[in-house]
Amino acid sequence: GPYNRAMTAQSVCVPGGSGFVGMHLCAALARAGFRITVPTRDPASARHLAIIPSLRLVGADVHDSEQLASLCRGQYAVINLVGILNERGRDGSGFRRAHADFARQLVTACRRMRVERLLQVSALNADPDHGASHYLRSKGMAERIIRDEAGPGLRWTIFQPSVIFGPGDDFLNRFASL
């Protein structure tokens, strides 16, 4: 009802929020008055986020569908920042699990818990069929899943940034150290 809507309108869950983009995004969300939940496998490694007063770090495995549904309960929006740049093998299965399989689980959890908005951070040139790498193909698969499976109740937005860099990033700093 309307009472619930008022309670949840400012709640956002940010899977992958402990990374470089997440750190900046969560700080901006906090300044805008949102209550933020950041699930992480390793809360100790995400303790840099603890300085954000309206942010709650939750130890969780986001690839577990029940834990993911529980994280989505009562959220107005979910912002998916889950992404990997490297995988253990070379066959693309790690990228597919982190990007495409997770997107499917996330859409299911959002629909089940009646989340209103899903924001997906993808990548420039993501393409499920013609992407130039496993990374871009799996990001494209995730986009396709969201477009095809979100249904009428879940509004979604997909962002396709190019390389993201700034203070504390992993990209320019990696090249600088080389």
Protein backbone atom coordinates (compact mmCIF):
# COMPACT_ATOMS: atom_id res chain seq x y z
CA GLY A 1 0.00 0.00 0.00
CA PRO A 2 0.93 3.68 0.09
CA TYR A 3 2.48 3.34 3.55
CA ASN A 4 4.87 0.66 2.30
CA ARG A 5 5.77 2.76 -0.73
CA ALA A 6 6.75 5.67 1.52
CA MET A 7 8.89 3.33 3.60
CA THR A 8 10.73 1.77 0.67
CA ALA A 9 11.00 4.68 -1.78
CA GLN A 10 14.48 5.56 -0.52
CA SER A 11 15.93 2.04 -0.29
CA VAL A 12 18.43 0.88 -2.90
CA CYS A 13 20.42 -2.34 -3.11
CA VAL A 14 23.75 -2.20 -4.96
CA PRO A 15 25.23 -5.62 -5.78
CA GLY A 16 28.86 -5.08 -6.76
CA GLY A 17 28.77 -1.82 -4.82
CA SER A 18 32.07 -2.39 -3.02
CA GLY A 19 34.12 -1.72 -6.16
CA PHE A 20 35.48 1.50 -7.63
CA VAL A 21 32.25 2.70 -9.27
CA GLY A 22 30.18 1.52 -6.30
CA MET A 23 32.20 3.53 -3.82
CA HIS A 24 31.49 6.77 -5.70
CA LEU A 25 27.89 5.87 -6.53
CA CYS A 26 27.03 4.90 -2.94
CA ALA A 27 28.49 8.16 -1.62
CA ALA A 28 26.34 10.11 -4.12
CA LEU A 29 23.24 8.06 -3.23
CA ALA A 30 23.83 8.73 0.47
CA ARG A 31 24.15 12.48 -0.20
CA ALA A 32 20.81 12.28 -2.05
CA GLY A 33 19.14 10.72 1.01
CA PHE A 34 18.92 7.06 -0.02
CA ARG A 35 19.32 4.11 2.32
CA ILE A 36 21.78 1.75 0.67
CA THR A 37 22.40 -1.97 1.07
CA VAL A 38 25.64 -3.36 -0.36
CA PRO A 39 25.91 -7.15 -0.34
CA THR A 40 29.44 -8.53 -0.38
CA ARG A 41 31.11 -11.90 0.02
CA ASP A 42 33.76 -10.30 2.21
CA PRO A 43 32.51 -7.41 4.40
CA ALA A 44 36.04 -6.85 5.78
CA SER A 45 37.36 -5.99 2.32
CA ALA A 46 34.47 -3.53 1.82
CA ARG A 47 34.97 -1.70 5.12
CA HIS A 48 35.96 1.48 3.22
CA LEU A 49 32.19 1.87 2.66
CA ALA A 50 31.48 1.89 6.41
CA ILE A 51 32.10 5.65 6.54
CA ILE A 52 28.85 6.20 4.61
CA PRO A 53 26.26 6.61 7.39
CA SER A 54 23.15 5.42 5.51
CA LEU A 55 24.91 2.36 4.06
CA ARG A 56 24.53 -1.17 5.36
CA LEU A 57 27.11 -3.80 4.40
CA VAL A 58 25.62 -7.31 4.31
CA GLY A 59 27.67 -10.48 4.08
CA ALA A 60 25.95 -12.45 1.32
CA ASP A 61 26.45 -14.62 -1.75
CA VAL A 62 24.47 -12.77 -4.43
CA HIS A 63 24.63 -15.87 -6.66
CA ASP A 64 22.42 -17.70 -4.14
CA SER A 65 18.86 -17.03 -5.36
CA GLU A 66 17.26 -17.08 -1.88
CA GLN A 67 19.84 -14.67 -0.45
CA LEU A 68 19.41 -12.46 -3.51
CA ALA A 69 15.61 -12.41 -3.14
CA SER A 70 16.01 -11.51 0.53
CA LEU A 71 18.35 -8.63 -0.42
CA CYS A 72 15.75 -7.33 -2.92
CA ARG A 73 12.87 -7.43 -0.43
CA GLY A 74 11.62 -3.92 0.37
CA GLN A 75 13.93 -2.20 -2.12
CA TYR A 76 12.69 0.54 -4.42
CA ALA A 77 15.56 -0.05 -6.85
CA VAL A 78 18.49 -2.37 -7.49
CA ILE A 79 21.61 -1.06 -9.21
CA ASN A 80 23.67 -3.93 -10.63
CA LEU A 81 27.39 -3.18 -10.59
CA VAL A 82 28.44 -6.85 -10.53
CA GLY A 83 31.17 -7.32 -13.08
CA ILE A 84 34.47 -9.10 -13.54
CA LEU A 85 37.35 -8.15 -15.82
CA ASN A 86 39.16 -11.50 -15.63
CA GLU A 87 38.09 -15.12 -15.25
CA ARG A 88 39.92 -18.20 -14.04
CA GLY A 89 39.53 -20.19 -17.25
CA ARG A 90 39.51 -18.99 -20.85
CA ASP A 91 36.18 -20.33 -22.13
CA GLY A 92 33.96 -17.43 -21.08
CA SER A 93 32.03 -19.41 -18.45
CA GLY A 94 33.22 -17.16 -15.62
CA PHE A 95 32.03 -14.08 -17.50
CA ARG A 96 28.69 -15.74 -18.32
CA ARG A 97 28.13 -16.65 -14.66
CA ALA A 98 29.05 -13.19 -13.33
CA HIS A 99 27.16 -11.22 -15.97
CA ALA A 100 24.45 -13.18 -17.80
CA ASP A 101 23.47 -15.83 -15.23
CA PHE A 102 23.48 -13.23 -12.47
CA ALA A 103 21.31 -10.86 -14.52
CA ARG A 104 18.73 -13.63 -14.91
CA GLN A 105 18.74 -14.36 -11.17
CA LEU A 106 18.49 -10.65 -10.41
CA VAL A 107 15.52 -10.06 -12.72
CA THR A 108 13.76 -13.04 -11.14
CA ALA A 109 14.45 -11.75 -7.61
CA CYS A 110 13.36 -8.21 -8.50
CA ARG A 111 10.10 -9.42 -10.02
CA ARG A 112 9.43 -11.74 -7.09
CA MET A 113 10.02 -8.97 -4.54
CA ARG A 114 8.23 -6.29 -6.62
CA VAL A 115 11.26 -4.04 -6.98
CA GLU A 116 10.20 -1.10 -9.17
CA ARG A 117 13.47 -0.27 -10.92
CA LEU A 118 16.53 -2.14 -12.10
CA LEU A 119 19.58 -0.22 -13.27
CA GLN A 120 22.19 -2.27 -15.08
CA VAL A 121 25.71 -1.03 -15.64
CA SER A 122 26.82 -2.71 -18.85
CA ALA A 123 29.62 -1.73 -21.22
CA LEU A 124 30.10 0.17 -24.46
CA ASN A 125 29.96 -2.30 -27.40
CA ALA A 126 28.33 -5.03 -25.31
CA ASP A 127 26.84 -7.45 -27.83
CA PRO A 128 25.70 -11.02 -27.12
CA ASP A 129 26.48 -12.22 -30.66
CA HIS A 130 29.31 -10.07 -31.98
CA GLY A 131 31.10 -8.76 -28.88
CA ALA A 132 34.87 -8.64 -29.33
CA SER A 133 35.53 -10.52 -26.05
CA HIS A 134 33.89 -12.90 -23.58
CA TYR A 135 33.41 -9.82 -21.38
CA LEU A 136 31.46 -7.87 -24.02
CA ARG A 137 29.44 -10.91 -25.16
CA SER A 138 28.42 -11.79 -21.58
CA LYS A 139 27.52 -8.14 -20.82
CA GLY A 140 25.41 -8.19 -24.01
CA MET A 141 23.72 -11.41 -22.88
CA ALA A 142 22.84 -9.73 -19.58
CA GLU A 143 21.26 -6.80 -21.45
CA ARG A 144 19.21 -9.17 -23.61
CA ILE A 145 18.00 -11.06 -20.52
CA ILE A 146 16.88 -7.82 -18.84
CA ARG A 147 15.06 -6.59 -21.96
CA ASP A 148 13.37 -9.95 -22.54
CA GLU A 149 12.53 -11.02 -18.98
CA ALA A 150 11.86 -7.88 -16.93
CA GLY A 151 8.14 -7.93 -17.75
CA PRO A 152 5.71 -5.06 -17.25
CA GLY A 153 6.18 -4.47 -13.51
CA LEU A 154 9.94 -3.91 -13.50
CA ARG A 155 11.21 -0.73 -15.16
CA TRP A 156 14.83 -0.96 -16.24
CA THR A 157 17.63 1.24 -17.49
CA ILE A 158 20.86 -0.03 -19.04
CA PHE A 159 23.99 2.12 -18.98
CA GLN A 160 26.80 1.43 -21.46
CA PRO A 161 29.83 3.33 -20.18
CA SER A 162 33.22 3.24 -21.86
CA VAL A 163 36.30 2.82 -19.64
CA ILE A 164 35.62 4.42 -16.27
CA PHE A 165 38.56 6.10 -14.58
CA GLY A 166 39.26 8.51 -11.76
CA PRO A 167 40.95 8.68 -8.34
CA GLY A 168 41.49 5.13 -7.09
CA ASP A 169 40.46 3.37 -10.30
CA ASP A 170 41.88 0.05 -11.44
CA PHE A 171 42.51 1.06 -15.05
CA LEU A 172 44.78 4.09 -15.23
CA ASN A 173 46.49 3.10 -12.00
CA ARG A 174 47.30 -0.32 -13.41
CA PHE A 175 48.95 1.28 -16.45
CA ALA A 176 50.73 3.83 -14.26
CA SER A 177 52.23 1.07 -12.13
CA LEU A 178 53.44 -0.79 -15.23
